[in-house]
Amino acid sequence: MKDFNTYIIEKLKINKDTKLPGFYPGSIILCVAFYNRRRPGSTPYLEIKTYPFELIKISTDKIYYYGYDNNRMVQSVVKNSNDFYEYYGRENIGSCRRAIFLDAEDGIKFMNYLKNEYENNFGKLYKYFDNDDDFLDDYEIIINGKEKIDEVIDKLNGKIPITEKLHINKDTKIFDKISSII
């Protein structure tokens, strides 16, 4: 039986680094959220925020994922006309107006778009949202967290910085911690 499993793995070229496309439990997904904002004395605008999360499961109308601090989150979603899962929020200032959930592959494409093309090709945003969404035309859109785009791409690729894994930062004194144990 062991030889048969080895044969399958070799034929399918599967290894521990193989990434499956799509949504499946344990995969990293990207939430792209548009928040309603307003500067004092000016017109409202939309702020794009991106969040990589771990998917728990997805059904036809709900997406379950681990949010910050490993809290289980649930959002009601619909498959939009462009075949992406979309959340319809509220129009109140400070709340999430719209969000889409992308698998890791589409998430990486979206983040690269924000990084390299967004300033010159705003219209590509339309390919991700429902064809009936007119909110993109009505507001100025600002990207929040441009400086963290590469970090989000790394998380979508499954690369977590070693400082997160070991909880070590530049001020940690490893020798002091080891000597206190001894």
Protein backbone atom coordinates (compact mmCIF):
# COMPACT_ATOMS: atom_id res chain seq x y z
CA MET A 1 0.00 0.00 0.00
CA LYS A 2 2.89 2.36 0.75
CA ASP A 3 4.25 1.86 -2.78
CA PHE A 4 0.84 2.66 -4.25
CA ASN A 5 0.64 5.96 -2.29
CA THR A 6 4.16 6.87 -3.40
CA TYR A 7 3.18 6.09 -7.00
CA ILE A 8 0.14 8.40 -6.81
CA ILE A 9 2.11 11.22 -5.23
CA GLU A 10 4.84 10.94 -7.87
CA LYS A 11 2.36 10.78 -10.76
CA LEU A 12 0.40 13.78 -9.50
CA LYS A 13 3.60 15.64 -8.57
CA ILE A 14 2.20 16.43 -5.12
CA ASN A 15 4.43 17.57 -2.31
CA LYS A 16 4.05 19.58 0.88
CA ASP A 17 4.37 22.85 -1.07
CA THR A 18 1.59 22.06 -3.55
CA LYS A 19 -1.08 24.76 -3.54
CA LEU A 20 -4.61 23.85 -4.57
CA PRO A 21 -6.62 26.55 -6.36
CA GLY A 22 -10.00 27.60 -5.02
CA PHE A 23 -11.66 27.61 -1.63
CA TYR A 24 -11.01 24.69 0.68
CA PRO A 25 -10.74 24.37 4.48
CA GLY A 26 -7.42 25.69 5.76
CA SER A 27 -6.63 27.72 2.65
CA ILE A 28 -5.68 31.37 2.87
CA ILE A 29 -8.25 33.70 1.34
CA LEU A 30 -8.23 37.45 0.73
CA CYS A 31 -11.00 39.78 1.82
CA VAL A 32 -11.02 43.07 -0.10
CA ALA A 33 -13.29 45.48 1.78
CA PHE A 34 -14.50 48.95 0.87
CA TYR A 35 -15.25 51.17 3.87
CA ASN A 36 -17.34 54.35 3.82
CA ARG A 37 -15.23 57.26 5.04
CA ARG A 38 -15.55 61.03 5.23
CA ARG A 39 -12.99 63.73 5.88
CA PRO A 40 -14.27 66.66 7.97
CA GLY A 41 -15.92 69.18 5.66
CA SER A 42 -15.53 67.10 2.48
CA THR A 43 -17.38 64.55 0.43
CA PRO A 44 -17.44 60.86 1.35
CA TYR A 45 -14.87 58.49 -0.13
CA LEU A 46 -14.19 54.75 -0.08
CA GLU A 47 -11.17 53.16 1.56
CA ILE A 48 -9.87 49.78 0.31
CA LYS A 49 -8.54 47.46 3.00
CA THR A 50 -7.23 43.95 2.37
CA TYR A 51 -7.20 41.11 4.88
CA PRO A 52 -5.72 37.62 4.43
CA PHE A 53 -7.70 35.07 6.47
CA GLU A 54 -7.79 31.29 6.93
CA LEU A 55 -10.92 29.71 5.47
CA ILE A 56 -12.94 27.34 7.64
CA LYS A 57 -15.65 26.50 5.12
CA ILE A 58 -17.86 28.05 2.49
CA SER A 59 -21.47 27.35 1.61
CA THR A 60 -23.75 28.81 -1.03
CA ASP A 61 -24.61 31.87 1.07
CA LYS A 62 -22.08 32.04 3.93
CA ILE A 63 -18.33 32.12 4.32
CA TYR A 64 -16.71 31.01 7.58
CA TYR A 65 -13.15 32.03 8.39
CA TYR A 66 -10.76 32.78 11.22
CA GLY A 67 -10.52 36.51 11.82
CA TYR A 68 -8.07 38.35 14.00
CA ASP A 69 -7.18 36.69 17.31
CA ASN A 70 -8.46 33.38 15.83
CA ASN A 71 -12.10 34.41 16.24
CA ARG A 72 -14.51 32.47 14.05
CA MET A 73 -16.20 34.87 11.65
CA VAL A 74 -19.24 34.40 9.42
CA GLN A 75 -20.35 36.64 6.56
CA SER A 76 -23.39 36.32 4.35
CA VAL A 77 -22.23 36.32 0.74
CA VAL A 78 -23.60 35.85 -2.75
CA LYS A 79 -21.82 34.75 -5.91
CA ASN A 80 -21.75 37.90 -8.00
CA SER A 81 -22.03 38.21 -11.76
CA ASN A 82 -18.23 37.91 -12.08
CA ASP A 83 -18.22 34.62 -10.10
CA PHE A 84 -16.68 36.04 -6.91
CA TYR A 85 -18.16 35.85 -3.41
CA GLU A 86 -19.44 39.32 -2.49
CA TYR A 87 -20.69 40.79 0.77
CA TYR A 88 -23.18 43.66 0.67
CA GLY A 89 -22.74 45.93 3.66
CA ARG A 90 -24.19 49.25 4.80
CA GLU A 91 -23.92 52.76 3.49
CA ASN A 92 -23.24 54.33 6.91
CA ILE A 93 -19.98 56.22 7.36
CA GLY A 94 -17.42 53.95 9.04
CA SER A 95 -19.05 50.70 8.01
CA CYS A 96 -18.10 48.20 5.33
CA ARG A 97 -20.01 48.99 2.14
CA ARG A 98 -18.87 46.03 0.01
CA ALA A 99 -16.37 43.21 0.25
CA ILE A 100 -15.24 40.41 -1.98
CA PHE A 101 -13.57 37.16 -0.96
CA LEU A 102 -10.89 35.78 -3.27
CA ASP A 103 -8.99 32.52 -3.19
CA ALA A 104 -5.20 32.79 -2.83
CA GLU A 105 -4.54 32.75 -6.58
CA ASP A 106 -7.02 35.53 -7.38
CA GLY A 107 -5.94 37.36 -4.22
CA ILE A 108 -2.33 37.47 -5.39
CA LYS A 109 -3.45 38.78 -8.79
CA PHE A 110 -5.56 41.46 -7.08
CA MET A 111 -2.72 42.55 -4.76
CA ASN A 112 -0.30 42.75 -7.70
CA TYR A 113 -2.90 44.84 -9.51
CA LEU A 114 -3.08 47.24 -6.54
CA LYS A 115 0.71 47.37 -6.38
CA ASN A 116 1.50 47.80 -10.08
CA GLU A 117 -1.52 48.88 -12.12
CA TYR A 118 -4.19 50.51 -9.96
CA GLU A 119 -2.99 54.11 -10.41
CA ASN A 120 -3.10 53.81 -14.22
CA ASN A 121 -5.94 51.31 -14.64
CA PHE A 122 -8.70 52.00 -12.11
CA GLY A 123 -11.28 50.24 -14.30
CA LYS A 124 -9.90 46.77 -13.60
CA LEU A 125 -11.71 46.90 -10.22
CA TYR A 126 -14.97 46.32 -12.10
CA LYS A 127 -13.96 42.78 -13.02
CA TYR A 128 -14.18 41.74 -9.37
CA PHE A 129 -17.49 43.28 -8.34
CA ASP A 130 -21.06 42.70 -9.43
CA ASN A 131 -21.94 44.26 -12.76
CA ASP A 132 -24.81 46.10 -11.03
CA ASP A 133 -22.48 47.75 -8.47
CA ASP A 134 -22.39 51.44 -9.26
CA PHE A 135 -20.71 52.50 -6.02
CA LEU A 136 -17.29 52.45 -7.70
CA ASP A 137 -18.34 55.33 -9.97
CA ASP A 138 -19.66 57.53 -7.19
CA TYR A 139 -16.65 57.87 -4.88
CA GLU A 140 -12.98 58.62 -4.71
CA ILE A 141 -11.20 55.41 -3.71
CA ILE A 142 -8.11 55.35 -1.48
CA ILE A 143 -5.97 52.28 -0.76
CA ASN A 144 -5.18 51.69 2.91
CA GLY A 145 -2.00 49.73 3.61
CA LYS A 146 -0.12 50.11 0.34
CA GLU A 147 3.11 49.58 2.26
CA LYS A 148 1.92 46.10 3.35
CA ILE A 149 1.00 44.76 -0.10
CA ASP A 150 4.10 42.51 -0.32
CA GLU A 151 3.41 41.18 3.19
CA VAL A 152 -0.17 40.26 2.18
CA ILE A 153 1.12 38.56 -0.99
CA ASP A 154 3.57 36.53 1.12
CA LYS A 155 0.73 35.42 3.42
CA LEU A 156 -1.37 34.39 0.40
CA ASN A 157 1.62 32.40 -0.85
CA GLY A 158 1.80 30.65 2.53
CA LYS A 159 4.99 32.42 3.54
CA ILE A 160 4.75 33.71 7.08
CA PRO A 161 7.70 35.80 8.27
CA ILE A 162 9.84 33.95 10.80
CA THR A 163 9.33 36.74 13.32
CA GLU A 164 5.64 35.82 13.42
CA LYS A 165 6.30 32.11 13.80
CA LEU A 166 8.78 32.50 16.64
CA HIS A 167 7.35 35.70 18.11
CA ILE A 168 10.78 37.28 18.01
CA ASN A 169 11.35 40.91 17.24
CA LYS A 170 14.53 42.96 16.98
CA ASP A 171 14.49 43.81 20.71
CA THR A 172 14.19 40.21 21.94
CA LYS A 173 17.22 39.12 23.93
CA ILE A 174 17.39 35.39 23.37
CA PHE A 175 20.45 34.90 25.58
CA ASP A 176 18.69 36.48 28.58
CA LYS A 177 15.67 34.19 28.10
CA ILE A 178 17.82 31.06 27.76
CA SER A 179 20.01 31.92 30.76
CA SER A 180 16.92 32.43 32.92
CA ILE A 181 15.75 28.91 32.04
CA ILE A 182 19.13 27.40 32.91
